[in-house]
Amino acid sequence: MDELDQPDAVRWRAEAVTLHRAFLEQHPDSPSRGEMRFRLADLLLVEARHEFRDQMAAYVQDQAQGGAGHVPLPVLSHSEPLSLYRSILAQDPGFEHMDAVLFNAGIDPRRRR
């Protein structure tokens, strides 16, 4: 079991997602908005990877048994984190780690605009 799968880690990550979302909702114009968006996107990426891994394991197991369970092929979704990165780019131009935002969003900085 990966350390990120430990029950305490899963619980703390879920709580952190909830708290980050609540902060962004309650303080939409905070100077910390970019940082909170960035951290929330990171947490959501971790969750998406774990969900994908679990779904892929179920898919592989189903395929090994002949595919009778009709488990759909999993797809890794980065839609919410990508939306957060785009919000940082559009609304938080002074964010300190813009290079990481561009990297994580898969955006070539030369073609940003």
Protein backbone atom coordinates (compact mmCIF):
# COMPACT_ATOMS: atom_id res chain seq x y z
CA MET A 1 0.00 0.00 0.00
CA ASP A 2 1.36 3.39 -1.04
CA GLU A 3 1.74 5.91 1.80
CA LEU A 4 -0.73 8.18 -0.01
CA ASP A 5 -3.29 5.37 0.30
CA GLN A 6 -3.03 5.14 4.07
CA PRO A 7 -6.43 5.84 5.66
CA ASP A 8 -5.13 8.88 7.54
CA ALA A 9 -3.60 10.34 4.37
CA VAL A 10 -6.83 9.83 2.44
CA ARG A 11 -8.85 11.45 5.22
CA TRP A 12 -6.49 14.42 5.60
CA ARG A 13 -6.39 14.95 1.84
CA ALA A 14 -10.19 14.97 1.62
CA GLU A 15 -10.36 17.44 4.49
CA ALA A 16 -7.73 19.65 2.85
CA VAL A 17 -9.73 19.70 -0.40
CA THR A 18 -12.84 20.74 1.51
CA LEU A 19 -10.99 23.47 3.41
CA HIS A 20 -9.31 24.85 0.28
CA ARG A 21 -12.64 25.00 -1.56
CA ALA A 22 -14.29 26.70 1.42
CA PHE A 23 -11.50 29.27 1.63
CA LEU A 24 -11.79 30.10 -2.07
CA GLU A 25 -15.56 30.42 -1.79
CA GLN A 26 -15.43 32.62 1.31
CA HIS A 27 -12.46 34.75 0.20
CA PRO A 28 -12.66 35.09 -3.60
CA ASP A 29 -10.47 38.20 -3.68
CA SER A 30 -7.84 37.11 -1.17
CA PRO A 31 -4.18 37.81 -1.97
CA SER A 32 -3.68 34.10 -1.21
CA ARG A 33 -6.15 33.04 -3.91
CA GLY A 34 -3.48 31.91 -6.39
CA GLU A 35 -1.67 29.84 -3.78
CA MET A 36 -4.89 28.23 -2.59
CA ARG A 37 -5.92 27.41 -6.16
CA PHE A 38 -2.50 25.93 -6.87
CA ARG A 39 -2.55 23.76 -3.76
CA LEU A 40 -6.13 22.63 -4.42
CA ALA A 41 -5.20 21.67 -7.98
CA ASP A 42 -2.30 19.61 -6.62
CA LEU A 43 -4.57 17.78 -4.17
CA LEU A 44 -7.09 17.11 -6.93
CA LEU A 45 -4.38 15.72 -9.21
CA VAL A 46 -3.30 13.29 -6.50
CA GLU A 47 -6.92 12.19 -6.08
CA ALA A 48 -7.41 11.80 -9.84
CA ARG A 49 -4.30 9.64 -10.16
CA HIS A 50 -5.42 7.39 -7.32
CA GLU A 51 -8.91 7.03 -8.75
CA PHE A 52 -7.44 6.22 -12.16
CA ARG A 53 -5.10 3.63 -10.66
CA ASP A 54 -7.98 1.93 -8.84
CA GLN A 55 -10.19 1.99 -11.93
CA MET A 56 -7.35 0.63 -14.09
CA ALA A 57 -6.77 -2.22 -11.64
CA ALA A 58 -10.46 -3.15 -11.89
CA TYR A 59 -10.31 -2.90 -15.69
CA VAL A 60 -7.20 -5.09 -15.93
CA GLN A 61 -8.73 -7.66 -13.61
CA ASP A 62 -11.92 -7.69 -15.68
CA GLN A 63 -9.93 -8.11 -18.89
CA ALA A 64 -7.93 -10.96 -17.37
CA GLN A 65 -11.25 -12.70 -16.71
CA GLY A 66 -12.40 -12.28 -20.31
CA GLY A 67 -14.03 -8.86 -20.07
CA ALA A 68 -17.41 -10.22 -19.05
CA GLY A 69 -17.90 -7.51 -16.44
CA HIS A 70 -17.80 -4.81 -19.11
CA VAL A 71 -15.70 -2.52 -16.94
CA PRO A 72 -15.12 0.64 -18.99
CA LEU A 73 -11.62 1.70 -19.92
CA PRO A 74 -10.63 4.34 -17.33
CA VAL A 75 -9.64 7.83 -18.36
CA LEU A 76 -7.53 10.11 -16.21
CA SER A 77 -9.34 13.42 -15.81
CA HIS A 78 -7.49 16.64 -15.08
CA SER A 79 -10.40 18.92 -15.92
CA GLU A 80 -10.86 20.57 -12.52
CA PRO A 81 -7.13 21.11 -11.84
CA LEU A 82 -6.72 22.48 -15.37
CA SER A 83 -9.58 24.87 -14.75
CA LEU A 84 -7.85 26.05 -11.56
CA TYR A 85 -4.56 26.56 -13.44
CA ARG A 86 -6.36 28.57 -16.11
CA SER A 87 -7.95 30.71 -13.39
CA ILE A 88 -4.52 31.38 -11.92
CA LEU A 89 -3.21 32.39 -15.34
CA ALA A 90 -6.16 34.71 -15.96
CA GLN A 91 -6.67 36.22 -12.52
CA ASP A 92 -3.46 35.83 -10.54
CA PRO A 93 -0.71 37.11 -12.87
CA GLY A 94 1.65 37.84 -9.97
CA PHE A 95 1.51 34.29 -8.61
CA GLU A 96 5.00 33.34 -7.46
CA HIS A 97 5.04 29.85 -9.02
CA MET A 98 3.64 30.67 -12.45
CA ASP A 99 6.31 28.45 -14.02
CA ALA A 100 4.86 25.45 -12.17
CA VAL A 101 1.33 26.42 -13.22
CA LEU A 102 2.40 26.55 -16.87
CA PHE A 103 4.24 23.24 -16.54
CA ASN A 104 1.39 21.46 -14.78
CA ALA A 105 -1.14 22.82 -17.25
CA GLY A 106 1.04 21.73 -20.16
CA ILE A 107 1.20 25.23 -21.59
CA ASP A 108 4.21 26.44 -23.54
CA PRO A 109 5.04 29.82 -21.97
CA ARG A 110 5.96 31.22 -25.39
CA ARG A 111 2.41 30.51 -26.62
CA ARG A 112 0.63 31.61 -23.47
CA ARG A 113 -1.20 34.55 -24.99
